[in-house]
C-alpha atoms as a PDB file:
ATOM      1  CA  UNK A   1     -14.509 175.583  45.453  1.00  0.00           C
ATOM      2  CA  UNK A   2     -14.183 172.039  44.157  1.00  0.00           C
ATOM      3  CA  UNK A   3     -16.532 169.625  45.850  1.00  0.00           C
ATOM      4  CA  UNK A   4     -16.396 165.886  46.148  1.00  0.00           C
ATOM      5  CA  UNK A   5     -19.309 165.652  43.706  1.00  0.00           C
ATOM      6  CA  UNK A   6     -17.411 167.675  41.056  1.00  0.00           C
ATOM      7  CA  UNK A   7     -14.347 165.505  41.425  1.00  0.00           C
ATOM      8  CA  UNK A   8     -16.434 162.333  41.145  1.00  0.00           C
ATOM      9  CA  UNK A   9     -18.172 163.686  38.021  1.00  0.00           C
ATOM     10  CA  UNK A  10     -14.819 164.533  36.412  1.00  0.00           C
ATOM     11  CA  UNK A  11     -13.510 161.072  37.257  1.00  0.00           C
ATOM     12  CA  UNK A  12     -16.554 159.398  35.704  1.00  0.00           C
ATOM     13  CA  UNK A  13     -16.228 161.485  32.523  1.00  0.00           C
ATOM     14  CA  UNK A  14     -12.538 160.619  32.230  1.00  0.00           C
ATOM     15  CA  UNK A  15     -13.353 156.923  32.771  1.00  0.00           C
ATOM     16  CA  UNK A  16     -16.044 157.000  30.059  1.00  0.00           C
ATOM     17  CA  UNK A  17     -13.625 158.599  27.603  1.00  0.00           C
ATOM     18  CA  UNK A  18     -10.944 156.047  28.451  1.00  0.00           C
ATOM     19  CA  UNK A  19     -13.325 153.146  27.869  1.00  0.00           C
ATOM     20  CA  UNK A  20     -14.481 154.664  24.576  1.00  0.00           C
ATOM     21  CA  UNK A  21     -10.858 154.927  23.478  1.00  0.00           C
ATOM     22  CA  UNK A  22     -10.240 151.280  24.420  1.00  0.00           C
ATOM     23  CA  UNK A  23     -13.271 150.156  22.416  1.00  0.00           C
ATOM     24  CA  UNK A  24     -12.078 152.177  19.427  1.00  0.00           C
ATOM     25  CA  UNK A  25      -8.597 150.721  19.660  1.00  0.00           C
ATOM     26  CA  UNK A  26     -10.011 147.193  19.949  1.00  0.00           C
ATOM     27  CA  UNK A  27     -12.250 147.695  16.918  1.00  0.00           C
ATOM     28  CA  UNK A  28      -9.323 149.143  14.960  1.00  0.00           C
ATOM     29  CA  UNK A  29      -7.128 146.191  15.887  1.00  0.00           C
ATOM     30  CA  UNK A  30      -9.821 143.710  14.861  1.00  0.00           C
ATOM     31  CA  UNK A  31     -10.204 145.514  11.553  1.00  0.00           C
ATOM     32  CA  UNK A  32      -6.499 145.420  10.901  1.00  0.00           C
ATOM     33  CA  UNK A  33      -6.348 141.728  11.725  1.00  0.00           C
ATOM     34  CA  UNK A  34      -9.267 140.956   9.394  1.00  0.00           C
ATOM     35  CA  UNK A  35      -7.611 142.941   6.622  1.00  0.00           C
ATOM     36  CA  UNK A  36      -4.349 141.055   7.149  1.00  0.00           C
ATOM     37  CA  UNK A  37      -6.185 137.748   7.027  1.00  0.00           C
ATOM     38  CA  UNK A  38      -7.975 138.628   3.785  1.00  0.00           C
ATOM     39  CA  UNK A  39      -4.719 139.904   2.258  1.00  0.00           C
ATOM     40  CA  UNK A  40      -2.959 136.690   3.278  1.00  0.00           C
ATOM     41  CA  UNK A  41      -5.668 134.570   1.701  1.00  0.00           C
ATOM     42  CA  UNK A  42      -5.469 136.584  -1.533  1.00  0.00           C
ATOM     43  CA  UNK A  43      -1.680 136.276  -1.713  1.00  0.00           C
ATOM     44  CA  UNK A  44      -1.859 132.547  -0.994  1.00  0.00           C
ATOM     45  CA  UNK A  45      -4.398 132.135  -3.803  1.00  0.00           C
ATOM     46  CA  UNK A  46      -2.253 134.136  -6.224  1.00  0.00           C
ATOM     47  CA  UNK A  47       0.886 132.132  -5.450  1.00  0.00           C
ATOM     48  CA  UNK A  48      -1.037 128.873  -5.725  1.00  0.00           C
ATOM     49  CA  UNK A  49      -2.435 129.908  -9.124  1.00  0.00           C
ATOM     50  CA  UNK A  50       1.057 130.903 -10.276  1.00  0.00           C
ATOM     51  CA  UNK A  51       2.346 127.484  -9.175  1.00  0.00           C
ATOM     52  CA  UNK A  52      -0.442 125.715 -11.099  1.00  0.00           C
ATOM     53  CA  UNK A  53       0.285 127.768 -14.225  1.00  0.00           C
ATOM     54  CA  UNK A  54       3.989 126.957 -14.017  1.00  0.00           C
ATOM     55  CA  UNK A  55       3.211 123.279 -13.445  1.00  0.00           C
ATOM     56  CA  UNK A  56       0.935 123.193 -16.500  1.00  0.00           C
ATOM     57  CA  UNK A  57       3.627 124.840 -18.634  1.00  0.00           C
ATOM     58  CA  UNK A  58       6.080 122.134 -17.601  1.00  0.00           C
ATOM     59  CA  UNK A  59       8.427 124.318 -15.612  1.00  0.00           C
ATOM     60  CA  UNK A  60      10.508 122.254 -13.191  1.00  0.00           C
ATOM     61  CA  UNK A  61       9.842 122.670  -9.488  1.00  0.00           C
ATOM     62  CA  UNK A  62      13.504 122.662  -8.556  1.00  0.00           C
ATOM     63  CA  UNK A  63      16.334 124.327 -10.451  1.00  0.00           C
ATOM     64  CA  UNK A  64      18.686 122.022 -12.347  1.00  0.00           C
ATOM     65  CA  UNK A  65      21.703 120.733 -10.448  1.00  0.00           C
ATOM     66  CA  UNK A  66      25.053 122.378 -11.121  1.00  0.00           C
ATOM     67  CA  UNK A  67      27.721 119.974 -12.324  1.00  0.00           C
ATOM     68  CA  UNK A  68      30.839 119.851 -10.159  1.00  0.00           C
ATOM     69  CA  UNK A  69      34.236 120.472 -11.667  1.00  0.00           C
ATOM     70  CA  UNK A  70      36.663 117.521 -11.612  1.00  0.00           C
ATOM     71  CA  UNK A  71      39.698 119.633 -10.693  1.00  0.00           C
ATOM     72  CA  UNK A  72      38.892 120.035  -6.999  1.00  0.00           C
ATOM     73  CA  UNK A  73      40.600 122.490  -4.683  1.00  0.00           C
ATOM     74  CA  UNK A  74      44.311 123.143  -4.151  1.00  0.00           C
ATOM     75  CA  UNK A  75      44.263 121.135  -0.918  1.00  0.00           C
ATOM     76  CA  UNK A  76      42.998 118.049  -2.759  1.00  0.00           C
ATOM     77  CA  UNK A  77      45.899 118.088  -5.253  1.00  0.00           C
END
Protein backbone atom coordinates (compact mmCIF):
# COMPACT_ATOMS: atom_id res chain seq x y z
CA UNK A 1 0.00 0.00 0.00
CA UNK A 2 1.28 3.45 -0.92
CA UNK A 3 1.35 5.81 2.01
CA UNK A 4 1.43 9.57 2.12
CA UNK A 5 5.05 9.41 3.27
CA UNK A 6 6.05 7.32 0.21
CA UNK A 7 4.33 9.73 -2.14
CA UNK A 8 6.00 12.72 -0.48
CA UNK A 9 9.40 11.00 -0.71
CA UNK A 10 8.88 10.26 -4.42
CA UNK A 11 7.83 13.87 -5.02
CA UNK A 12 10.94 15.20 -3.25
CA UNK A 13 13.21 12.90 -5.27
CA UNK A 14 11.59 14.00 -8.52
CA UNK A 15 11.94 17.66 -7.48
CA UNK A 16 15.64 17.18 -6.68
CA UNK A 17 16.25 15.56 -10.07
CA UNK A 18 14.37 18.36 -11.83
CA UNK A 19 16.43 21.03 -10.09
CA UNK A 20 19.66 19.19 -10.91
CA UNK A 21 18.61 19.09 -14.56
CA UNK A 22 17.86 22.84 -14.52
CA UNK A 23 21.29 23.58 -13.01
CA UNK A 24 22.96 21.42 -15.65
CA UNK A 25 21.04 23.14 -18.45
CA UNK A 26 21.91 26.57 -17.05
CA UNK A 27 25.60 25.69 -16.80
CA UNK A 28 25.54 24.30 -20.33
CA UNK A 29 23.88 27.45 -21.64
CA UNK A 30 26.44 29.64 -19.88
CA UNK A 31 29.25 27.57 -21.37
CA UNK A 32 27.81 27.87 -24.85
CA UNK A 33 27.42 31.64 -24.46
CA UNK A 34 31.01 32.00 -23.24
CA UNK A 35 32.25 29.93 -26.17
CA UNK A 36 30.26 32.07 -28.61
CA UNK A 37 31.68 35.23 -27.05
CA UNK A 38 35.26 33.99 -27.32
CA UNK A 39 34.69 32.82 -30.90
CA UNK A 40 33.21 36.21 -31.78
CA UNK A 41 36.21 38.01 -30.32
CA UNK A 42 38.61 35.77 -32.25
CA UNK A 43 36.77 36.33 -35.53
CA UNK A 44 36.65 40.07 -34.94
CA UNK A 45 40.39 40.10 -34.29
CA UNK A 46 41.08 38.07 -37.44
CA UNK A 47 38.97 40.34 -39.64
CA UNK A 48 40.56 43.42 -38.10
CA UNK A 49 44.04 42.03 -38.77
CA UNK A 50 43.05 41.21 -42.36
CA UNK A 51 41.78 44.76 -42.80
CA UNK A 52 45.06 46.18 -41.46
CA UNK A 53 47.09 43.96 -43.78
CA UNK A 54 45.03 45.04 -46.79
CA UNK A 55 45.34 48.68 -45.77
CA UNK A 56 49.13 48.37 -45.48
CA UNK A 57 49.31 46.76 -48.92
CA UNK A 58 47.42 49.69 -50.41
CA UNK A 59 44.25 47.85 -51.33
CA UNK A 60 41.33 50.23 -51.75
CA UNK A 61 38.53 50.05 -49.19
CA UNK A 62 35.80 50.39 -51.79
CA UNK A 63 35.69 48.79 -55.22
CA UNK A 64 36.29 51.10 -58.19
CA UNK A 65 33.21 52.74 -59.69
CA UNK A 66 31.82 51.28 -62.89
CA UNK A 67 31.64 53.76 -65.76
CA UNK A 68 28.16 54.26 -67.20
CA UNK A 69 27.56 53.77 -70.89
CA UNK A 70 26.53 56.87 -72.86
CA UNK A 71 23.92 55.04 -74.96
CA UNK A 72 21.20 54.88 -72.30
CA UNK A 73 18.09 52.75 -72.54
CA UNK A 74 15.61 52.39 -75.39
CA UNK A 75 13.12 54.63 -73.58
CA UNK A 76 15.65 57.47 -73.45
CA UNK A 77 16.20 57.44 -77.23
